[in-house]
PDB file of N, CA and C in Angstrom:
ATOM      1  N   MET A   1     112.281 134.361 106.609  1.00  0.00           N
ATOM      2  CA  MET A   1     111.073 134.676 107.328  1.00  0.00           C
ATOM      3  C   MET A   1     110.428 133.433 107.923  1.00  0.00           C
ATOM      4  N   LEU A   2     110.435 132.310 107.218  1.00  0.00           N
ATOM      5  CA  LEU A   2     109.835 131.088 107.752  1.00  0.00           C
ATOM      6  C   LEU A   2     110.801 130.372 108.685  1.00  0.00           C
ATOM      7  N   ALA A   3     110.278 129.853 109.784  1.00  0.00           N
ATOM      8  CA  ALA A   3     111.089 129.036 110.694  1.00  0.00           C
ATOM      9  C   ALA A   3     111.123 127.589 110.206  1.00  0.00           C
ATOM     10  N   HIS A   4     109.965 127.076 109.799  1.00  0.00           N
ATOM     11  CA  HIS A   4     109.875 125.744 109.216  1.00  0.00           C
ATOM     12  C   HIS A   4     108.529 125.594 108.529  1.00  0.00           C
ATOM     13  N   VAL A   5     108.415 124.546 107.715  1.00  0.00           N
ATOM     14  CA  VAL A   5     107.185 124.210 107.003  1.00  0.00           C
ATOM     15  C   VAL A   5     106.880 122.750 107.306  1.00  0.00           C
ATOM     16  N   SER A   6     105.604 122.441 107.481  1.00  0.00           N
ATOM     17  CA  SER A   6     105.180 121.074 107.754  1.00  0.00           C
ATOM     18  C   SER A   6     104.059 120.696 106.791  1.00  0.00           C
ATOM     19  N   ILE A   7     104.125 119.476 106.265  1.00  0.00           N
ATOM     20  CA  ILE A   7     103.054 118.970 105.407  1.00  0.00           C
ATOM     21  C   ILE A   7     102.583 117.626 105.946  1.00  0.00           C
ATOM     22  N   GLN A   8     101.331 117.284 105.641  1.00  0.00           N
ATOM     23  CA  GLN A   8     100.792 115.987 106.006  1.00  0.00           C
ATOM     24  C   GLN A   8     100.865 115.065 104.790  1.00  0.00           C
ATOM     25  N   CYS A   9     101.111 113.791 105.049  1.00  0.00           N
ATOM     26  CA  CYS A   9     101.305 112.804 103.993  1.00  0.00           C
ATOM     27  C   CYS A   9     100.321 111.651 104.163  1.00  0.00           C
ATOM     28  N   ALA A  10      99.711 111.243 103.059  1.00  0.00           N
ATOM     29  CA  ALA A  10      98.762 110.135 103.103  1.00  0.00           C
ATOM     30  C   ALA A  10      99.473 108.819 103.421  1.00  0.00           C
ATOM     31  N   ASP A  11     100.648 108.612 102.843  1.00  0.00           N
ATOM     32  CA  ASP A  11     101.434 107.407 103.096  1.00  0.00           C
ATOM     33  C   ASP A  11     102.754 107.850 103.714  1.00  0.00           C
ATOM     34  N   PHE A  12     102.792 107.889 105.037  1.00  0.00           N
ATOM     35  CA  PHE A  12     103.938 108.411 105.758  1.00  0.00           C
ATOM     36  C   PHE A  12     105.217 107.644 105.433  1.00  0.00           C
ATOM     37  N   ALA A  13     105.140 106.319 105.345  1.00  0.00           N
ATOM     38  CA  ALA A  13     106.330 105.510 105.057  1.00  0.00           C
ATOM     39  C   ALA A  13     106.885 105.832 103.670  1.00  0.00           C
ATOM     40  N   ALA A  14     106.014 105.918 102.664  1.00  0.00           N
ATOM     41  CA  ALA A  14     106.464 106.236 101.307  1.00  0.00           C
ATOM     42  C   ALA A  14     107.061 107.639 101.254  1.00  0.00           C
ATOM     43  N   SER A  15     106.440 108.574 101.939  1.00  0.00           N
ATOM     44  CA  SER A  15     106.951 109.950 101.947  1.00  0.00           C
ATOM     45  C   SER A  15     108.291 110.044 102.666  1.00  0.00           C
ATOM     46  N   THR A  16     108.454 109.288 103.749  1.00  0.00           N
ATOM     47  CA  THR A  16     109.733 109.286 104.460  1.00  0.00           C
ATOM     48  C   THR A  16     110.831 108.743 103.557  1.00  0.00           C
ATOM     49  N   ARG A  17     110.565 107.653 102.848  1.00  0.00           N
ATOM     50  CA  ARG A  17     111.556 107.102 101.917  1.00  0.00           C
ATOM     51  C   ARG A  17     111.901 108.130 100.838  1.00  0.00           C
ATOM     52  N   PHE A  18     110.863 108.788 100.284  1.00  0.00           N
ATOM     53  CA  PHE A  18     111.069 109.780  99.231  1.00  0.00           C
ATOM     54  C   PHE A  18     111.948 110.926  99.726  1.00  0.00           C
ATOM     55  N   TYR A  19     111.578 111.546 100.839  1.00  0.00           N
ATOM     56  CA  TYR A  19     112.323 112.709 101.323  1.00  0.00           C
ATOM     57  C   TYR A  19     113.701 112.334 101.860  1.00  0.00           C
ATOM     58  N   ASP A  20     113.853 111.141 102.444  1.00  0.00           N
ATOM     59  CA  ASP A  20     115.186 110.681 102.850  1.00  0.00           C
ATOM     60  C   ASP A  20     116.121 110.677 101.641  1.00  0.00           C
ATOM     61  N   ALA A  21     115.649 110.116 100.528  1.00  0.00           N
ATOM     62  CA  ALA A  21     116.478 109.998  99.328  1.00  0.00           C
ATOM     63  C   ALA A  21     116.649 111.331  98.609  1.00  0.00           C
ATOM     64  N   ALA A  22     115.553 112.053  98.400  1.00  0.00           N
ATOM     65  CA  ALA A  22     115.604 113.282  97.604  1.00  0.00           C
ATOM     66  C   ALA A  22     116.345 114.415  98.304  1.00  0.00           C
ATOM     67  N   LEU A  23     116.254 114.486  99.622  1.00  0.00           N
ATOM     68  CA  LEU A  23     116.911 115.583 100.338  1.00  0.00           C
ATOM     69  C   LEU A  23     118.380 115.301 100.654  1.00  0.00           C
ATOM     70  N   ALA A  24     118.791 114.044 100.616  1.00  0.00           N
ATOM     71  CA  ALA A  24     120.186 113.703 100.930  1.00  0.00           C
ATOM     72  C   ALA A  24     121.189 114.446 100.046  1.00  0.00           C
ATOM     73  N   PRO A  25     120.987 114.530  98.710  1.00  0.00           N
ATOM     74  CA  PRO A  25     121.955 115.262  97.886  1.00  0.00           C
ATOM     75  C   PRO A  25     122.010 116.767  98.199  1.00  0.00           C
ATOM     76  N   LEU A  26     120.988 117.262  98.881  1.00  0.00           N
ATOM     77  CA  LEU A  26     120.934 118.682  99.237  1.00  0.00           C
ATOM     78  C   LEU A  26     121.455 118.922 100.648  1.00  0.00           C
ATOM     79  N   GLY A  27     121.907 117.862 101.305  1.00  0.00           N
ATOM     80  CA  GLY A  27     122.412 117.972 102.670  1.00  0.00           C
ATOM     81  C   GLY A  27     121.349 117.801 103.735  1.00  0.00           C
ATOM     82  N   GLY A  28     120.124 117.476 103.322  1.00  0.00           N
ATOM     83  CA  GLY A  28     119.019 117.303 104.260  1.00  0.00           C
ATOM     84  C   GLY A  28     119.058 115.956 104.947  1.00  0.00           C
ATOM     85  N   VAL A  29     118.956 115.980 106.274  1.00  0.00           N
ATOM     86  CA  VAL A  29     118.966 114.748 107.070  1.00  0.00           C
ATOM     87  C   VAL A  29     117.894 114.840 108.151  1.00  0.00           C
ATOM     88  N   HIS A  30     117.551 113.682 108.710  1.00  0.00           N
ATOM     89  CA  HIS A  30     116.642 113.648 109.861  1.00  0.00           C
ATOM     90  C   HIS A  30     117.311 114.389 111.010  1.00  0.00           C
ATOM     91  N   VAL A  31     116.645 115.368 111.539  1.00  0.00           N
ATOM     92  CA  VAL A  31     117.164 116.014 112.744  1.00  0.00           C
ATOM     93  C   VAL A  31     116.268 115.718 113.938  1.00  0.00           C
ATOM     94  N   MET A  32     115.052 115.228 113.685  1.00  0.00           N
ATOM     95  CA  MET A  32     114.129 114.815 114.750  1.00  0.00           C
ATOM     96  C   MET A  32     113.168 113.773 114.195  1.00  0.00           C
ATOM     97  N   ASP A  33     112.863 112.791 115.011  1.00  0.00           N
ATOM     98  CA  ASP A  33     111.802 111.830 114.733  1.00  0.00           C
ATOM     99  C   ASP A  33     110.909 111.834 115.964  1.00  0.00           C
ATOM    100  N   PHE A  34     109.629 112.108 115.773  1.00  0.00           N
ATOM    101  CA  PHE A  34     108.723 112.105 116.908  1.00  0.00           C
ATOM    102  C   PHE A  34     107.364 111.607 116.443  1.00  0.00           C
ATOM    103  N   GLY A  35     106.986 110.417 116.948  1.00  0.00           N
ATOM    104  CA  GLY A  35     105.718 109.814 116.558  1.00  0.00           C
ATOM    105  C   GLY A  35     105.665 109.605 115.062  1.00  0.00           C
ATOM    106  N   GLN A  36     104.582 110.028 114.464  1.00  0.00           N
ATOM    107  CA  GLN A  36     104.414 109.925 113.014  1.00  0.00           C
ATOM    108  C   GLN A  36     104.838 111.224 112.340  1.00  0.00           C
ATOM    109  N   ASN A  37     105.993 111.760 112.746  1.00  0.00           N
ATOM    110  CA  ASN A  37     106.558 112.973 112.176  1.00  0.00           C
ATOM    111  C   ASN A  37     108.063 112.820 112.049  1.00  0.00           C
ATOM    112  N   VAL A  38     108.590 113.362 110.983  1.00  0.00           N
ATOM    113  CA  VAL A  38     110.032 113.414 110.771  1.00  0.00           C
ATOM    114  C   VAL A  38     110.371 114.842 110.385  1.00  0.00           C
ATOM    115  N   ALA A  39     111.393 115.401 111.044  1.00  0.00           N
ATOM    116  CA  ALA A  39     111.861 116.748 110.723  1.00  0.00           C
ATOM    117  C   ALA A  39     113.208 116.648 110.037  1.00  0.00           C
ATOM    118  N   TYR A  40     113.353 117.392 108.945  1.00  0.00           N
ATOM    119  CA  TYR A  40     114.593 117.426 108.177  1.00  0.00           C
ATOM    120  C   TYR A  40     115.231 118.794 108.327  1.00  0.00           C
ATOM    121  N   GLY A  41     116.545 118.809 108.200  1.00  0.00           N
ATOM    122  CA  GLY A  41     117.267 120.065 108.219  1.00  0.00           C
ATOM    123  C   GLY A  41     118.666 119.863 107.691  1.00  0.00           C
ATOM    124  N   VAL A  42     119.338 120.972 107.490  1.00  0.00           N
ATOM    125  CA  VAL A  42     120.753 120.969 107.176  1.00  0.00           C
ATOM    126  C   VAL A  42     121.410 121.475 108.445  1.00  0.00           C
ATOM    127  N   GLY A  43     122.147 120.610 109.125  1.00  0.00           N
ATOM    128  CA  GLY A  43     122.609 120.924 110.471  1.00  0.00           C
ATOM    129  C   GLY A  43     121.566 120.445 111.460  1.00  0.00           C
ATOM    130  N   ALA A  44     121.567 121.002 112.652  1.00  0.00           N
ATOM    131  CA  ALA A  44     120.695 120.517 113.726  1.00  0.00           C
ATOM    132  C   ALA A  44     119.307 121.137 113.720  1.00  0.00           C
ATOM    133  N   ARG A  45     119.104 122.214 112.989  1.00  0.00           N
ATOM    134  CA  ARG A  45     117.835 122.931 113.037  1.00  0.00           C
ATOM    135  C   ARG A  45     116.839 122.378 112.012  1.00  0.00           C
ATOM    136  N   PRO A  46     115.656 121.940 112.459  1.00  0.00           N
ATOM    137  CA  PRO A  46     114.651 121.449 111.507  1.00  0.00           C
ATOM    138  C   PRO A  46     114.038 122.608 110.724  1.00  0.00           C
ATOM    139  N   SER A  47     113.861 122.388 109.414  1.00  0.00           N
ATOM    140  CA  SER A  47     113.216 123.413 108.596  1.00  0.00           C
ATOM    141  C   SER A  47     112.063 122.853 107.775  1.00  0.00           C
ATOM    142  N   PHE A  48     111.971 121.516 107.678  1.00  0.00           N
ATOM    143  CA  PHE A  48     110.913 120.878 106.908  1.00  0.00           C
ATOM    144  C   PHE A  48     110.454 119.642 107.666  1.00  0.00           C
ATOM    145  N   VAL A  49     109.147 119.533 107.887  1.00  0.00           N
ATOM    146  CA  VAL A  49     108.588 118.440 108.680  1.00  0.00           C
ATOM    147  C   VAL A  49     107.505 117.744 107.863  1.00  0.00           C
ATOM    148  N   ILE A  50     107.527 116.411 107.886  1.00  0.00           N
ATOM    149  CA  ILE A  50     106.430 115.642 107.304  1.00  0.00           C
ATOM    150  C   ILE A  50     105.762 114.858 108.421  1.00  0.00           C
ATOM    151  N   GLY A  51     104.458 114.644 108.269  1.00  0.00           N
ATOM    152  CA  GLY A  51     103.715 113.876 109.249  1.00  0.00           C
ATOM    153  C   GLY A  51     102.590 113.113 108.598  1.00  0.00           C
ATOM    154  N   GLN A  52     102.110 112.117 109.286  1.00  0.00           N
ATOM    155  CA  GLN A  52     100.967 111.345 108.813  1.00  0.00           C
ATOM    156  C   GLN A  52      99.752 112.249 108.724  1.00  0.00           C
ATOM    157  N   GLN A  53      99.013 112.146 107.635  1.00  0.00           N
ATOM    158  CA  GLN A  53      97.799 112.956 107.473  1.00  0.00           C
ATOM    159  C   GLN A  53      96.790 112.577 108.549  1.00  0.00           C
ATOM    160  N   THR A  54      96.350 113.574 109.311  1.00  0.00           N
ATOM    161  CA  THR A  54      95.400 113.333 110.394  1.00  0.00           C
ATOM    162  C   THR A  54      94.186 114.242 110.315  1.00  0.00           C
ATOM    163  N   THR A  55      94.225 115.247 109.464  1.00  0.00           N
ATOM    164  CA  THR A  55      93.104 116.189 109.370  1.00  0.00           C
ATOM    165  C   THR A  55      92.685 116.357 107.922  1.00  0.00           C
ATOM    166  N   GLY A  56      91.449 116.812 107.749  1.00  0.00           N
ATOM    167  CA  GLY A  56      90.954 117.133 106.413  1.00  0.00           C
ATOM    168  C   GLY A  56      90.776 115.919 105.543  1.00  0.00           C
ATOM    169  N   GLY A  57      90.431 116.201 104.309  1.00  0.00           N
ATOM    170  CA  GLY A  57      90.254 115.144 103.322  1.00  0.00           C
ATOM    171  C   GLY A  57      91.520 114.956 102.532  1.00  0.00           C
ATOM    172  N   GLN A  58      91.376 114.981 101.229  1.00  0.00           N
ATOM    173  CA  GLN A  58      92.516 114.790 100.345  1.00  0.00           C
ATOM    174  C   GLN A  58      93.435 116.012 100.400  1.00  0.00           C
ATOM    175  N   ASN A  59      94.754 115.751 100.359  1.00  0.00           N
ATOM    176  CA  ASN A  59      95.716 116.854 100.342  1.00  0.00           C
ATOM    177  C   ASN A  59      95.575 117.678  99.079  1.00  0.00           C
ATOM    178  N   ARG A  60      95.817 118.981  99.195  1.00  0.00           N
ATOM    179  CA  ARG A  60      95.919 119.842  98.030  1.00  0.00           C
ATOM    180  C   ARG A  60      97.383 119.953  97.659  1.00  0.00           C
ATOM    181  N   GLU A  61      97.644 120.078  96.374  1.00  0.00           N
ATOM    182  CA  GLU A  61      99.026 120.212  95.925  1.00  0.00           C
ATOM    183  C   GLU A  61      99.662 121.469  96.495  1.00  0.00           C
ATOM    184  N   VAL A  62     100.890 121.314  96.973  1.00  0.00           N
ATOM    185  CA  VAL A  62     101.706 122.456  97.402  1.00  0.00           C
ATOM    186  C   VAL A  62     102.994 122.429  96.588  1.00  0.00           C
ATOM    187  N   HIS A  63     103.650 123.575  96.538  1.00  0.00           N
ATOM    188  CA  HIS A  63     104.956 123.675  95.885  1.00  0.00           C
ATOM    189  C   HIS A  63     105.983 123.974  96.966  1.00  0.00           C
ATOM    190  N   ILE A  64     107.027 123.167  97.017  1.00  0.00           N
ATOM    191  CA  ILE A  64     108.093 123.311  98.001  1.00  0.00           C
ATOM    192  C   ILE A  64     109.402 123.369  97.228  1.00  0.00           C
ATOM    193  N   ALA A  65     110.226 124.376  97.496  1.00  0.00           N
ATOM    194  CA  ALA A  65     111.531 124.485  96.841  1.00  0.00           C
ATOM    195  C   ALA A  65     112.634 124.389  97.895  1.00  0.00           C
ATOM    196  N   PHE A  66     113.601 123.529  97.644  1.00  0.00           N
ATOM    197  CA  PHE A  66     114.737 123.338  98.540  1.00  0.00           C
ATOM    198  C   PHE A  66     115.993 123.892  97.881  1.00  0.00           C
ATOM    199  N   ASP A  67     116.818 124.591  98.669  1.00  0.00           N
ATOM    200  CA  ASP A  67     118.093 125.103  98.179  1.00  0.00           C
ATOM    201  C   ASP A  67     119.060 123.963  97.920  1.00  0.00           C
ATOM    202  N   ALA A  68     119.779 124.092  96.820  1.00  0.00           N
ATOM    203  CA  ALA A  68     120.856 123.157  96.491  1.00  0.00           C
ATOM    204  C   ALA A  68     122.157 123.945  96.409  1.00  0.00           C
ATOM    205  N   ALA A  69     123.230 123.363  96.898  1.00  0.00           N
ATOM    206  CA  ALA A  69     124.528 124.039  96.918  1.00  0.00           C
ATOM    207  C   ALA A  69     125.163 124.117  95.534  1.00  0.00           C
ATOM    208  N   SER A  70     124.735 123.231  94.628  1.00  0.00           N
ATOM    209  CA  SER A  70     125.337 123.195  93.293  1.00  0.00           C
ATOM    210  C   SER A  70     124.327 122.663  92.287  1.00  0.00           C
ATOM    211  N   ARG A  71     124.648 122.863  91.032  1.00  0.00           N
ATOM    212  CA  ARG A  71     123.800 122.305  89.978  1.00  0.00           C
ATOM    213  C   ARG A  71     123.875 120.775  89.980  1.00  0.00           C
ATOM    214  N   ALA A  72     125.024 120.248  90.334  1.00  0.00           N
ATOM    215  CA  ALA A  72     125.156 118.787  90.446  1.00  0.00           C
ATOM    216  C   ALA A  72     124.214 118.248  91.520  1.00  0.00           C
ATOM    217  N   ALA A  73     124.043 118.984  92.609  1.00  0.00           N
ATOM    218  CA  ALA A  73     123.120 118.551  93.666  1.00  0.00           C
ATOM    219  C   ALA A  73     121.680 118.555  93.159  1.00  0.00           C
ATOM    220  N   VAL A  74     121.326 119.511  92.305  1.00  0.00           N
ATOM    221  CA  VAL A  74     119.980 119.531  91.709  1.00  0.00           C
ATOM    222  C   VAL A  74     119.775 118.258  90.881  1.00  0.00           C
ATOM    223  N   ARG A  75     120.768 117.922  90.073  1.00  0.00           N
ATOM    224  CA  ARG A  75     120.663 116.710  89.249  1.00  0.00           C
ATOM    225  C   ARG A  75     120.609 115.451  90.120  1.00  0.00           C
ATOM    226  N   ALA A  76     121.364 115.414  91.206  1.00  0.00           N
ATOM    227  CA  ALA A  76     121.344 114.262  92.116  1.00  0.00           C
ATOM    228  C   ALA A  76     119.997 114.143  92.820  1.00  0.00           C
ATOM    229  N   PHE A  77     119.384 115.275  93.175  1.00  0.00           N
ATOM    230  CA  PHE A  77     118.040 115.304  93.757  1.00  0.00           C
ATOM    231  C   PHE A  77     117.050 114.618  92.816  1.00  0.00           C
ATOM    232  N   VAL A  78     117.083 114.983  91.533  1.00  0.00           N
ATOM    233  CA  VAL A  78     116.170 114.376  90.554  1.00  0.00           C
ATOM    234  C   VAL A  78     116.441 112.884  90.426  1.00  0.00           C
ATOM    235  N   ALA A  79     117.698 112.502  90.334  1.00  0.00           N
ATOM    236  CA  ALA A  79     118.042 111.077  90.207  1.00  0.00           C
ATOM    237  C   ALA A  79     117.537 110.286  91.407  1.00  0.00           C
ATOM    238  N   ALA A  80     117.694 110.834  92.608  1.00  0.00           N
ATOM    239  CA  ALA A  80     117.226 110.139  93.811  1.00  0.00           C
ATOM    240  C   ALA A  80     115.708 110.008  93.799  1.00  0.00           C
ATOM    241  N   ALA A  81     115.011 111.070  93.421  1.00  0.00           N
ATOM    242  CA  ALA A  81     113.544 111.034  93.375  1.00  0.00           C
ATOM    243  C   ALA A  81     113.049 110.033  92.328  1.00  0.00           C
ATOM    244  N   VAL A  82     113.659 110.056  91.162  1.00  0.00           N
ATOM    245  CA  VAL A  82     113.262 109.148  90.081  1.00  0.00           C
ATOM    246  C   VAL A  82     113.528 107.696  90.470  1.00  0.00           C
ATOM    247  N   SER A  83     114.586 107.453  91.231  1.00  0.00           N
ATOM    248  CA  SER A  83     114.891 106.077  91.643  1.00  0.00           C
ATOM    249  C   SER A  83     113.774 105.487  92.500  1.00  0.00           C
ATOM    250  N   LEU A  84     112.938 106.368  93.081  1.00  0.00           N
ATOM    251  CA  LEU A  84     111.800 105.914  93.880  1.00  0.00           C
ATOM    252  C   LEU A  84     110.482 106.036  93.117  1.00  0.00           C
ATOM    253  N   GLY A  85     110.561 106.275  91.816  1.00  0.00           N
ATOM    254  CA  GLY A  85     109.378 106.320  90.979  1.00  0.00           C
ATOM    255  C   GLY A  85     108.733 107.681  90.835  1.00  0.00           C
ATOM    256  N   ALA A  86     109.406 108.743  91.253  1.00  0.00           N
ATOM    257  CA  ALA A  86     108.825 110.085  91.151  1.00  0.00           C
ATOM    258  C   ALA A  86     108.681 110.508  89.696  1.00  0.00           C
ATOM    259  N   GLU A  87     107.596 111.201  89.419  1.00  0.00           N
ATOM    260  CA  GLU A  87     107.380 111.810  88.115  1.00  0.00           C
ATOM    261  C   GLU A  87     108.220 113.083  88.031  1.00  0.00           C
ATOM    262  N   VAL A  88     108.909 113.264  86.921  1.00  0.00           N
ATOM    263  CA  VAL A  88     109.666 114.497  86.696  1.00  0.00           C
ATOM    264  C   VAL A  88     108.739 115.496  86.019  1.00  0.00           C
ATOM    265  N   LEU A  89     108.532 116.628  86.661  1.00  0.00           N
ATOM    266  CA  LEU A  89     107.703 117.687  86.086  1.00  0.00           C
ATOM    267  C   LEU A  89     108.515 118.566  85.148  1.00  0.00           C
ATOM    268  N   HIS A  90     109.749 118.900  85.562  1.00  0.00           N
ATOM    269  CA  HIS A  90     110.663 119.695  84.738  1.00  0.00           C
ATOM    270  C   HIS A  90     112.076 119.212  85.005  1.00  0.00           C
ATOM    271  N   GLU A  91     112.743 118.776  83.961  1.00  0.00           N
ATOM    272  CA  GLU A  91     114.140 118.337  84.070  1.00  0.00           C
ATOM    273  C   GLU A  91     115.006 119.511  84.539  1.00  0.00           C
ATOM    274  N   PRO A  92     116.178 119.222  85.094  1.00  0.00           N
ATOM    275  CA  PRO A  92     117.075 120.298  85.514  1.00  0.00           C
ATOM    276  C   PRO A  92     117.439 121.200  84.332  1.00  0.00           C
ATOM    277  N   ARG A  93     117.316 122.509  84.559  1.00  0.00           N
ATOM    278  CA  ARG A  93     117.681 123.475  83.524  1.00  0.00           C
ATOM    279  C   ARG A  93     117.742 124.869  84.130  1.00  0.00           C
ATOM    280  N   LEU A  94     118.269 125.797  83.351  1.00  0.00           N
ATOM    281  CA  LEU A  94     118.238 127.204  83.738  1.00  0.00           C
ATOM    282  C   LEU A  94     116.838 127.754  83.519  1.00  0.00           C
ATOM    283  N   TRP A  95     116.413 128.620  84.417  1.00  0.00           N
ATOM    284  CA  TRP A  95     115.128 129.308  84.327  1.00  0.00           C
ATOM    285  C   TRP A  95     115.416 130.815  84.297  1.00  0.00           C
ATOM    286  N   PRO A  96     115.858 131.360  83.148  1.00  0.00           N
ATOM    287  CA  PRO A  96     116.258 132.766  83.090  1.00  0.00           C
ATOM    288  C   PRO A  96     115.112 133.739  83.359  1.00  0.00           C
ATOM    289  N   GLU A  97     113.873 133.272  83.248  1.00  0.00           N
ATOM    290  CA  GLU A  97     112.746 134.153  83.563  1.00  0.00           C
ATOM    291  C   GLU A  97     112.700 134.495  85.054  1.00  0.00           C
ATOM    292  N   TYR A  98     113.358 133.681  85.889  1.00  0.00           N
ATOM    293  CA  TYR A  98     113.451 133.961  87.330  1.00  0.00           C
ATOM    294  C   TYR A  98     114.681 134.810  87.616  1.00  0.00           C
ATOM    295  N   HIS A  99     115.854 134.348  87.202  1.00  0.00           N
ATOM    296  CA  HIS A  99     117.081 135.146  87.169  1.00  0.00           C
ATOM    297  C   HIS A  99     118.138 134.342  86.416  1.00  0.00           C
ATOM    298  N   ALA A 100     119.221 135.004  86.043  1.00  0.00           N
ATOM    299  CA  ALA A 100     120.209 134.417  85.123  1.00  0.00           C
ATOM    300  C   ALA A 100     120.809 133.102  85.623  1.00  0.00           C
ATOM    301  N   ASN A 101     120.956 132.906  86.926  1.00  0.00           N
ATOM    302  CA  ASN A 101     121.592 131.697  87.453  1.00  0.00           C
ATOM    303  C   ASN A 101     120.619 130.741  88.139  1.00  0.00           C
ATOM    304  N   TYR A 102     119.328 130.911  87.937  1.00  0.00           N
ATOM    305  CA  TYR A 102     118.327 130.043  88.570  1.00  0.00           C
ATOM    306  C   TYR A 102     118.332 128.701  87.841  1.00  0.00           C
ATOM    307  N   TYR A 103     118.866 127.666  88.497  1.00  0.00           N
ATOM    308  CA  TYR A 103     118.958 126.326  87.928  1.00  0.00           C
ATOM    309  C   TYR A 103     118.114 125.408  88.804  1.00  0.00           C
ATOM    310  N   GLY A 104     117.011 124.913  88.262  1.00  0.00           N
ATOM    311  CA  GLY A 104     116.102 124.123  89.070  1.00  0.00           C
ATOM    312  C   GLY A 104     115.528 122.933  88.343  1.00  0.00           C
ATOM    313  N   ALA A 105     114.954 122.030  89.134  1.00  0.00           N
ATOM    314  CA  ALA A 105     114.259 120.848  88.631  1.00  0.00           C
ATOM    315  C   ALA A 105     113.083 120.574  89.548  1.00  0.00           C
ATOM    316  N   PHE A 106     112.025 120.001  88.994  1.00  0.00           N
ATOM    317  CA  PHE A 106     110.775 119.796  89.714  1.00  0.00           C
ATOM    318  C   PHE A 106     110.312 118.344  89.556  1.00  0.00           C
ATOM    319  N   VAL A 107     109.888 117.731  90.672  1.00  0.00           N
ATOM    320  CA  VAL A 107     109.362 116.370  90.671  1.00  0.00           C
ATOM    321  C   VAL A 107     108.086 116.330  91.518  1.00  0.00           C
ATOM    322  N   ARG A 108     107.363 115.217  91.418  1.00  0.00           N
ATOM    323  CA  ARG A 108     106.191 114.995  92.270  1.00  0.00           C
ATOM    324  C   ARG A 108     106.582 114.068  93.416  1.00  0.00           C
ATOM    325  N   ASP A 109     106.163 114.429  94.631  1.00  0.00           N
ATOM    326  CA  ASP A 109     106.376 113.529  95.769  1.00  0.00           C
ATOM    327  C   ASP A 109     105.235 112.508  95.803  1.00  0.00           C
ATOM    328  N   PRO A 110     105.241 111.546  96.731  1.00  0.00           N
ATOM    329  CA  PRO A 110     104.201 110.512  96.752  1.00  0.00           C
ATOM    330  C   PRO A 110     102.775 111.044  96.924  1.00  0.00           C
ATOM    331  N   ASP A 111     102.610 112.268  97.451  1.00  0.00           N
ATOM    332  CA  ASP A 111     101.280 112.854  97.607  1.00  0.00           C
ATOM    333  C   ASP A 111     100.901 113.783  96.468  1.00  0.00           C
ATOM    334  N   GLY A 112     101.741 113.878  95.444  1.00  0.00           N
ATOM    335  CA  GLY A 112     101.435 114.719  94.297  1.00  0.00           C
ATOM    336  C   GLY A 112     101.918 116.150  94.425  1.00  0.00           C
ATOM    337  N   ASN A 113     102.685 116.443  95.462  1.00  0.00           N
ATOM    338  CA  ASN A 113     103.210 117.801  95.620  1.00  0.00           C
ATOM    339  C   ASN A 113     104.325 118.070  94.623  1.00  0.00           C
ATOM    340  N   ASN A 114     104.445 119.324  94.229  1.00  0.00           N
ATOM    341  CA  ASN A 114     105.458 119.799  93.304  1.00  0.00           C
ATOM    342  C   ASN A 114     106.690 120.175  94.134  1.00  0.00           C
ATOM    343  N   VAL A 115     107.732 119.354  94.060  1.00  0.00           N
ATOM    344  CA  VAL A 115     108.916 119.539  94.889  1.00  0.00           C
ATOM    345  C   VAL A 115     110.091 119.906  93.983  1.00  0.00           C
ATOM    346  N   GLU A 116     110.764 120.976  94.345  1.00  0.00           N
ATOM    347  CA  GLU A 116     111.827 121.538  93.526  1.00  0.00           C
ATOM    348  C   GLU A 116     113.146 121.570  94.300  1.00  0.00           C
ATOM    349  N   ALA A 117     114.234 121.400  93.564  1.00  0.00           N
ATOM    350  CA  ALA A 117     115.570 121.720  94.064  1.00  0.00           C
ATOM    351  C   ALA A 117     116.096 122.836  93.190  1.00  0.00           C
ATOM    352  N   VAL A 118     116.689 123.861  93.808  1.00  0.00           N
ATOM    353  CA  VAL A 118     117.162 125.017  93.046  1.00  0.00           C
ATOM    354  C   VAL A 118     118.525 125.477  93.536  1.00  0.00           C
ATOM    355  N   CYS A 119     119.374 125.780  92.574  1.00  0.00           N
ATOM    356  CA  CYS A 119     120.683 126.373  92.848  1.00  0.00           C
ATOM    357  C   CYS A 119     120.678 127.781  92.255  1.00  0.00           C
ATOM    358  N   HIS A 120     121.149 128.749  93.016  1.00  0.00           N
ATOM    359  CA  HIS A 120     121.120 130.145  92.578  1.00  0.00           C
ATOM    360  C   HIS A 120     122.487 130.677  92.152  1.00  0.00           C
ATOM    361  N   THR A 121     123.486 129.800  92.094  1.00  0.00           N
ATOM    362  CA  THR A 121     124.834 130.256  91.758  1.00  0.00           C
ATOM    363  C   THR A 121     125.249 129.765  90.390  1.00  0.00           C
ATOM    364  N   PRO A 122     126.202 130.455  89.752  1.00  0.00           N
ATOM    365  CA  PRO A 122     126.676 130.001  88.439  1.00  0.00           C
ATOM    366  C   PRO A 122     127.393 128.666  88.553  1.00  0.00           C
ATOM    367  N   GLU A 123     127.517 128.000  87.421  1.00  0.00           N
ATOM    368  CA  GLU A 123     128.194 126.694  87.335  1.00  0.00           C
ATOM    369  C   GLU A 123     129.588 126.795  87.911  1.00  0.00           C
TER     370      GLU A 123
END
C-alpha cells in the first residue's frame, strides 16, 4: 500500500552513515541523492527516504521495519548498526506472538527511532 516513507533527521550525516551500513545487509542502497535527502531502495525504486530536519521541533520516535531475505541478514543488520554505536533494543530472535517464522531485531537510529529488520521465512 505504501509507495515510500520519508523521515527527517537531526544529524543528516550521522543518519546517512547509519542507514548506509544498516540497510546494506538487507540489499538497501542509495537510489537517489538530492540536496539534503537520500533515497534508499532494493533495485532502482526508492522506498525509504531520509532528509535533514527542516520542520517542527524535536522528532518523535517512529518504528520502521525493513524486510530481510534471511535470518543471517537480520543478524548482519544488527552488527552493522552496532558497529556505528546503535543501541540494541531487542536482539535477533523469533517472535512467535506475531507468527511462527517472524525473526526480527530492533535497534535505535541516531534520532532515537526504533528500526527493525525482519525475516518472515523459516531458517
